[in-house]
Protein backbone atom coordinates (compact mmCIF):
# COMPACT_ATOMS: atom_id res chain seq x y z
CA MET A 1 -4.46 -12.29 -12.91
CA LYS A 2 -0.81 -11.56 -13.66
CA GLN A 3 1.67 -12.83 -11.04
CA ARG A 4 5.10 -11.34 -10.37
CA PRO A 5 7.91 -12.33 -7.99
CA LEU A 6 8.63 -10.48 -4.77
CA GLY A 7 12.30 -9.70 -5.23
CA GLN A 8 14.44 -12.80 -4.87
CA SER A 9 12.32 -14.34 -2.11
CA GLY A 10 10.89 -17.12 -4.25
CA ILE A 11 7.39 -15.78 -3.49
CA SER A 12 5.08 -14.71 -6.31
CA ALA A 13 2.02 -12.54 -5.84
CA SER A 14 -0.74 -11.02 -7.93
CA VAL A 15 0.24 -7.81 -9.68
CA VAL A 16 -2.80 -6.14 -8.08
CA GLY A 17 -2.89 -6.47 -4.32
CA LEU A 18 -5.48 -5.46 -1.75
CA GLY A 19 -4.32 -2.59 0.44
CA ALA A 20 -6.11 -2.93 3.77
CA TRP A 21 -5.57 0.55 5.24
CA ALA A 22 -9.10 1.80 4.55
CA ILE A 23 -10.87 -1.21 6.04
CA GLY A 24 -9.23 -0.38 9.37
CA GLY A 25 -11.41 2.75 9.41
CA TRP A 26 -8.83 5.04 11.00
CA MET A 27 -8.34 8.12 8.80
CA TRP A 28 -11.12 6.87 6.50
CA GLY A 29 -14.20 7.85 8.50
CA GLY A 30 -14.81 4.47 10.13
CA THR A 31 -15.54 1.02 8.74
CA SER A 32 -18.10 -1.77 8.62
CA GLU A 33 -16.55 -5.01 9.84
CA LYS A 34 -19.02 -7.26 8.00
CA GLU A 35 -18.63 -5.33 4.76
CA SER A 36 -14.84 -5.37 5.13
CA ILE A 37 -14.70 -9.15 5.39
CA LYS A 38 -17.00 -9.50 2.37
CA THR A 39 -14.70 -7.12 0.50
CA ILE A 40 -11.62 -9.19 1.31
CA HIS A 41 -13.38 -12.37 0.19
CA ALA A 42 -14.45 -10.69 -3.05
CA ALA A 43 -10.87 -9.62 -3.76
CA LEU A 44 -9.55 -13.14 -3.20
CA ASP A 45 -12.32 -14.72 -5.25
CA ALA A 46 -11.44 -12.35 -8.11
CA GLY A 47 -7.82 -13.54 -8.22
CA ILE A 48 -5.96 -11.24 -5.82
CA THR A 49 -3.39 -13.20 -3.80
CA LEU A 50 -1.55 -10.31 -2.10
CA ILE A 51 -3.01 -8.57 0.96
CA ASP A 52 -1.10 -5.75 2.63
CA THR A 53 -2.00 -4.48 6.08
CA ALA A 54 -0.31 -2.95 9.15
CA PRO A 55 -0.87 -2.79 12.92
CA ILE A 56 -1.44 0.97 12.77
CA TYR A 57 -4.41 0.57 10.40
CA GLY A 58 -7.28 0.92 12.83
CA PHE A 59 -4.88 0.17 15.69
CA GLY A 60 -5.04 -3.56 15.02
CA LEU A 61 -8.53 -3.72 13.52
CA SER A 62 -7.36 -4.12 9.91
CA GLU A 63 -5.08 -7.02 10.82
CA ARG A 64 -7.84 -8.68 12.82
CA LEU A 65 -10.33 -8.38 9.96
CA VAL A 66 -7.81 -9.75 7.48
CA GLY A 67 -7.04 -12.62 9.84
CA ASP A 68 -10.71 -13.48 10.19
CA ALA A 69 -11.27 -13.32 6.44
CA VAL A 70 -8.41 -15.53 5.24
CA GLN A 71 -8.60 -18.50 7.59
CA ASP A 72 -10.06 -20.87 5.00
CA ARG A 73 -7.45 -19.97 2.36
CA ARG A 74 -4.34 -18.90 4.23
CA ASP A 75 -2.08 -21.17 2.16
CA LYS A 76 -3.24 -19.56 -1.07
CA ILE A 77 -2.38 -15.93 -0.27
CA VAL A 78 0.66 -13.77 0.32
CA LEU A 79 0.13 -11.96 3.60
CA ALA A 80 2.11 -8.76 4.12
CA THR A 81 2.18 -6.56 7.19
CA LYS A 82 4.54 -4.12 8.83
CA CYS A 83 6.28 -2.95 11.98
CA SER A 84 7.58 0.33 13.46
CA MET A 85 4.49 2.54 13.97
CA VAL A 86 3.63 2.01 17.63
CA CYS A 87 1.59 3.72 20.31
CA ASN A 88 2.59 1.58 23.31
CA THR A 89 5.85 3.40 24.04
CA ARG A 90 7.55 6.79 23.90
CA GLU A 91 10.74 5.29 22.45
CA GLY A 92 11.99 6.02 18.94
CA GLU A 93 10.89 9.02 16.88
CA HIS A 94 7.64 10.81 17.63
CA LYS A 95 5.59 10.72 14.42
CA PHE A 96 2.28 12.37 15.32
CA ASP A 97 -0.60 12.38 17.78
CA SER A 98 -3.99 10.96 16.90
CA ASP A 99 -7.46 10.14 18.11
CA VAL A 100 -9.60 7.22 16.96
CA LEU A 101 -10.58 9.09 13.78
CA GLY A 102 -7.16 10.24 12.62
CA PRO A 103 -4.12 12.41 13.38
CA ALA A 104 -5.06 15.34 15.59
CA GLU A 105 -3.07 18.12 17.19
CA ASN A 106 -4.52 17.28 20.60
CA GLY A 107 -4.88 13.53 20.03
CA HIS A 108 -4.47 11.28 23.04
CA ILE A 109 -2.75 8.49 21.06
CA HIS A 110 0.96 9.16 20.68
CA VAL A 111 2.39 7.41 17.63
CA TYR A 112 6.13 6.71 17.48
CA VAL A 113 8.37 5.11 14.87
CA ASN A 114 10.29 2.43 16.74
CA LEU A 115 12.47 -0.21 15.10
CA ARG A 116 14.34 -1.35 18.18
CA PRO A 117 14.71 -5.14 18.39
CA GLU A 118 12.48 -5.55 21.42
CA SER A 119 9.72 -3.50 19.80
CA ILE A 120 9.87 -5.51 16.57
CA ARG A 121 9.69 -8.73 18.57
CA LEU A 122 6.59 -7.52 20.38
CA GLU A 123 4.94 -6.29 17.18
CA VAL A 124 5.48 -9.48 15.21
CA GLU A 125 3.91 -11.61 17.95
CA GLU A 126 0.88 -9.33 18.14
CA SER A 127 0.51 -9.35 14.34
CA LEU A 128 0.72 -13.15 14.21
CA ARG A 129 -2.00 -13.35 16.87
CA ARG A 130 -4.34 -10.90 15.13
CA LEU A 131 -3.74 -12.47 11.73
CA GLN A 132 -4.25 -15.95 13.21
CA THR A 133 -1.23 -17.39 11.44
CA ASP A 134 2.16 -18.84 12.32
CA HIS A 135 4.07 -16.86 9.69
CA ILE A 136 3.98 -13.59 7.76
CA ASP A 137 4.99 -13.83 4.11
CA LEU A 138 6.33 -10.29 3.75
CA TYR A 139 7.32 -8.24 6.80
CA GLN A 140 8.07 -4.57 6.16
CA THR A 141 9.45 -1.70 8.17
CA HIS A 142 6.61 0.81 7.81
CA TRP A 143 8.65 3.98 8.39
CA GLN A 144 12.34 4.27 9.14
CA ASP A 145 13.58 4.99 12.67
CA GLU A 146 16.66 7.20 12.58
CA THR A 147 17.25 6.63 16.33
CA THR A 148 17.89 2.89 15.86
CA PRO A 149 20.85 1.51 13.87
CA ILE A 150 19.67 -0.40 10.82
CA GLU A 151 22.15 -3.09 11.82
CA ASP A 152 20.05 -3.79 14.94
CA THR A 153 16.77 -3.71 13.01
CA MET A 154 17.96 -6.00 10.21
CA ALA A 155 19.58 -8.46 12.62
CA THR A 156 16.20 -8.89 14.30
CA LEU A 157 14.39 -9.32 10.99
CA LEU A 158 16.91 -11.92 9.85
CA ASP A 159 16.47 -13.79 13.13
CA LEU A 160 12.69 -13.80 12.63
CA LYS A 161 13.22 -15.16 9.13
CA GLN A 162 15.50 -17.88 10.44
CA GLU A 163 12.84 -18.77 13.01
CA GLY A 164 10.21 -19.12 10.29
CA LYS A 165 8.02 -16.30 11.56
CA ILE A 166 8.56 -14.23 8.40
CA ARG A 167 9.48 -15.33 4.88
CA ALA A 168 10.69 -12.13 3.20
CA ILE A 169 11.88 -8.70 4.32
CA GLY A 170 10.74 -5.40 2.88
CA VAL A 171 10.86 -1.69 3.65
CA SER A 172 8.37 1.13 3.18
CA ASN A 173 8.88 4.87 2.95
CA ALA A 174 12.62 4.33 2.68
CA THR A 175 15.35 6.05 0.68
CA SER A 176 17.92 4.26 -1.44
CA LYS A 177 20.44 5.01 1.32
CA HIS A 178 18.29 3.12 3.80
CA MET A 179 17.94 0.23 1.36
CA GLU A 180 21.68 0.08 0.76
CA GLN A 181 22.21 -0.28 4.51
CA TYR A 182 19.65 -3.08 4.74
CA ARG A 183 21.10 -4.89 1.74
CA ALA A 184 24.62 -4.79 3.20
CA LEU A 185 23.33 -7.06 5.97
CA GLY A 186 20.99 -9.44 4.17
CA PRO A 187 18.42 -9.92 1.39
CA LEU A 188 15.91 -7.12 0.83
CA ASP A 189 13.00 -8.17 -1.35
CA SER A 190 10.64 -5.22 -1.60
CA ALA A 191 10.06 -1.52 -1.10
CA GLN A 192 6.56 -0.16 -0.63
CA GLU A 193 6.38 3.44 -1.80
CA LYS A 194 3.73 5.98 -2.78
CA PHE A 195 3.40 6.12 -6.55
CA SER A 196 0.66 7.21 -8.91
CA MET A 197 0.03 9.59 -11.78
CA LEU A 198 -0.07 12.31 -9.13
CA ASP A 199 2.86 11.13 -6.98
CA GLN A 200 6.08 10.30 -8.80
CA ALA A 201 8.84 11.36 -6.40
CA ILE A 202 10.33 7.84 -6.35
CA LEU A 203 11.41 8.18 -9.99
CA ALA A 204 14.46 10.14 -8.87
CA ASP A 205 15.76 7.78 -6.19
CA GLN A 206 13.99 4.63 -5.03
CA LEU A 207 12.76 3.29 -8.37
CA PRO A 208 16.11 3.21 -10.20
CA TYR A 209 17.80 1.73 -7.14
CA CYS A 210 15.21 -1.03 -6.79
CA HIS A 211 15.27 -1.78 -10.50
CA LYS A 212 19.05 -2.17 -10.40
CA HIS A 213 19.03 -4.50 -7.38
CA ASN A 214 15.96 -6.62 -8.21
CA ILE A 215 13.87 -5.21 -5.37
CA SER A 216 10.14 -5.29 -6.03
CA ILE A 217 8.25 -2.02 -5.72
CA LEU A 218 4.79 -2.20 -4.20
CA ALA A 219 3.06 1.03 -5.20
CA TYR A 220 0.63 2.32 -2.60
CA SER A 221 -2.11 4.88 -3.28
CA PRO A 222 -2.05 4.16 -7.04
CA LEU A 223 -5.54 5.62 -7.32
CA GLY A 224 -4.61 8.73 -5.35
CA ARG A 225 -6.92 7.80 -2.44
CA GLY A 226 -9.84 7.61 -4.86
CA LEU A 227 -9.09 10.76 -6.83
CA LEU A 228 -8.04 8.80 -9.93
CA THR A 229 -11.05 6.49 -10.05
CA GLY A 230 -13.14 8.81 -12.21
CA LYS A 231 -15.92 8.60 -9.63
CA MET A 232 -15.07 11.54 -7.37
CA GLY A 233 -17.07 14.47 -8.65
CA PRO A 234 -17.03 18.08 -7.39
CA GLU A 235 -20.16 17.40 -5.33
CA ARG A 236 -18.44 14.74 -3.18
CA GLU A 237 -18.21 15.59 0.52
CA PHE A 238 -15.89 13.96 3.04
CA GLY A 239 -17.06 13.13 6.55
CA ASP A 240 -15.40 13.54 9.94
CA GLY A 241 -12.23 11.51 10.31
CA ASP A 242 -11.69 11.24 6.55
CA GLN A 243 -8.13 12.34 5.76
CA ARG A 244 -9.29 13.84 2.46
CA ARG A 245 -11.49 16.44 4.18
CA GLY A 246 -9.87 19.87 3.92
CA SER A 247 -6.95 18.57 1.82
CA ALA A 248 -5.84 20.78 -1.08
CA ARG A 249 -5.37 17.63 -3.15
CA PHE A 250 -9.13 17.04 -2.88
CA SER A 251 -10.34 20.58 -3.44
CA VAL A 252 -13.16 21.02 -5.93
CA GLU A 253 -10.79 22.78 -8.33
CA ASN A 254 -8.27 19.97 -8.19
CA ARG A 255 -10.93 17.31 -8.66
CA GLN A 256 -12.06 19.14 -11.79
CA ARG A 257 -8.50 19.20 -13.17
CA VAL A 258 -8.09 15.48 -12.53
CA ALA A 259 -11.44 14.80 -14.20
CA GLU A 260 -10.18 16.62 -17.30
CA MET A 261 -7.05 14.45 -17.34
CA LEU A 262 -9.08 11.26 -16.96
CA GLU A 263 -11.36 12.33 -19.79
CA ASP A 264 -8.40 11.88 -22.15
CA PHE A 265 -8.11 8.23 -21.09
CA LYS A 266 -11.67 7.29 -22.01
CA PRO A 267 -10.88 6.08 -25.56
CA ILE A 268 -8.16 3.78 -24.19
CA ALA A 269 -10.45 2.50 -21.44
CA GLU A 270 -13.18 1.80 -23.96
CA LYS A 271 -10.75 -0.02 -26.25
CA HIS A 272 -9.87 -2.41 -23.43
CA GLY A 273 -13.41 -2.72 -22.11
CA ALA A 274 -12.21 -1.19 -18.84
CA THR A 275 -13.29 1.47 -16.39
CA LEU A 276 -11.15 4.54 -15.85
CA ALA A 277 -9.99 3.20 -12.48
CA GLN A 278 -8.91 -0.07 -14.07
CA THR A 279 -7.06 1.79 -16.80
CA VAL A 280 -5.20 3.87 -14.22
CA ILE A 281 -4.27 0.74 -12.24
CA ALA A 282 -3.02 -0.95 -15.41
CA TRP A 283 -0.98 2.12 -16.34
CA THR A 284 0.65 1.95 -12.91
CA PHE A 285 1.85 -1.66 -13.10
CA HIS A 286 3.01 -1.11 -16.68
CA GLN A 287 5.55 1.49 -15.49
CA ASP A 288 9.13 0.20 -15.52
CA GLY A 289 10.11 -1.08 -12.08
CA ILE A 290 6.62 -1.05 -10.56
CA THR A 291 5.96 -4.72 -9.88
CA HIS A 292 2.78 -4.62 -7.78
CA VAL A 293 0.04 -2.09 -7.02
CA LEU A 294 -1.84 -2.02 -3.72
CA CYS A 295 -5.40 -0.88 -4.23
CA GLY A 296 -7.72 -0.14 -1.34
CA ALA A 297 -11.34 -1.25 -1.44
CA ARG A 298 -14.27 -0.54 0.84
CA ASN A 299 -16.89 -2.75 -0.78
CA ILE A 300 -17.33 -5.81 -2.98
CA GLY A 301 -17.70 -3.83 -6.20
CA GLN A 302 -14.47 -1.92 -5.70
CA ALA A 303 -12.56 -5.11 -4.90
CA GLN A 304 -13.82 -6.85 -8.02
CA GLU A 305 -13.16 -3.84 -10.22
CA ASN A 306 -9.59 -3.44 -8.96
CA ALA A 307 -8.81 -7.13 -9.38
CA ALA A 308 -10.03 -7.18 -12.98
CA ALA A 309 -7.45 -4.50 -13.84
CA GLY A 310 -4.72 -7.12 -13.34
CA ARG A 311 -5.71 -8.74 -16.63
CA ILE A 312 -5.34 -5.61 -18.79
CA ALA A 313 -2.43 -5.44 -21.23
CA LEU A 314 -1.88 -1.86 -22.39
CA GLY A 315 -0.07 -1.41 -25.69
CA ALA A 316 2.96 0.78 -26.28
CA ASP A 317 0.81 3.37 -28.04
CA ASP A 318 -1.61 3.44 -25.09
CA LEU A 319 1.23 4.11 -22.68
CA VAL A 320 2.79 6.83 -24.82
CA SER A 321 -0.56 8.62 -25.05
CA MET A 322 -1.28 8.30 -21.33
CA ASN A 323 2.22 9.38 -20.33
CA GLN A 324 1.91 12.50 -22.47
CA THR A 325 -1.39 13.37 -20.80
CA VAL A 326 0.01 12.77 -17.31
CA GLU A 327 3.07 14.90 -18.03
CA LYS A 328 0.94 17.69 -19.50
CA CYS A 329 -1.38 17.78 -16.50
CA ALA A 330 1.16 17.20 -13.74
CA GLU A 331 2.14 20.83 -13.24
CA SER A 332 -1.45 21.97 -12.72
CA LEU A 333 -2.33 19.27 -10.18
CA ALA A 334 -1.89 19.63 -6.43
């Protein structure tokens, strides 16, 4: 498995990481705790050293499952989690309302983005407890809170770093302006942003900024929430609580268009002895400035398949061909 540094933190992590949103169940139609722990173990056994989670994923369940799964190998992994999305206060910016399945107009769980110092302090202690560890390797602001000065947020994060509770500081869903404000106060090592063949908005702002300032980019949803795996046919149905149900991105028509795009990648996949999903993952971490990709997995097979993609070396001709196909199809995809 390829390893790459996380910014200037001195920490290196596998180019393919395990994104632990789905195993929290929330917005993914539930979860099996036993299967989730087996999935995490499979990912680690296959060479993944980076696990990314967050308190909001299953309202603590994802962190707890990760904590249970890594106890016998904590010193061998890079553990990343986040702060700011809270449901224990009405302070900060109201983000959305939810129920136990997912965001809902009449949900009884009120989710706020809160990066006030006292909230961060509370969140980090709860994350440490759920993860059963005395430190978090990469601590990220999940969403940005425009009601709290970044000076206050960063001062707290730097204090936590000085105290040894976190080792590196990252942001997520942040603009280059946000990052510039963080960097003016202290080291910023990573930015976690949505990026895939279907989602390339960061090319205009975040990616060039991070590349210039040696900030690692952790790409989330590189497989488009499963749409780019080559396994999501037009007959697929999504259950209650699954965020993909009713989404235009996952309409039958759109799935058919994506399938046509993926069909063009088959010769390249076959050349590398890879699946389509692995080829898409490899394409993602071969893009300039994308240092790590966070791939979700719900079972052992998915975890092993994703991890194996970290060993694929695409050639220049492969990338030119794939980029042309992506560009050609982009306008027709939702």
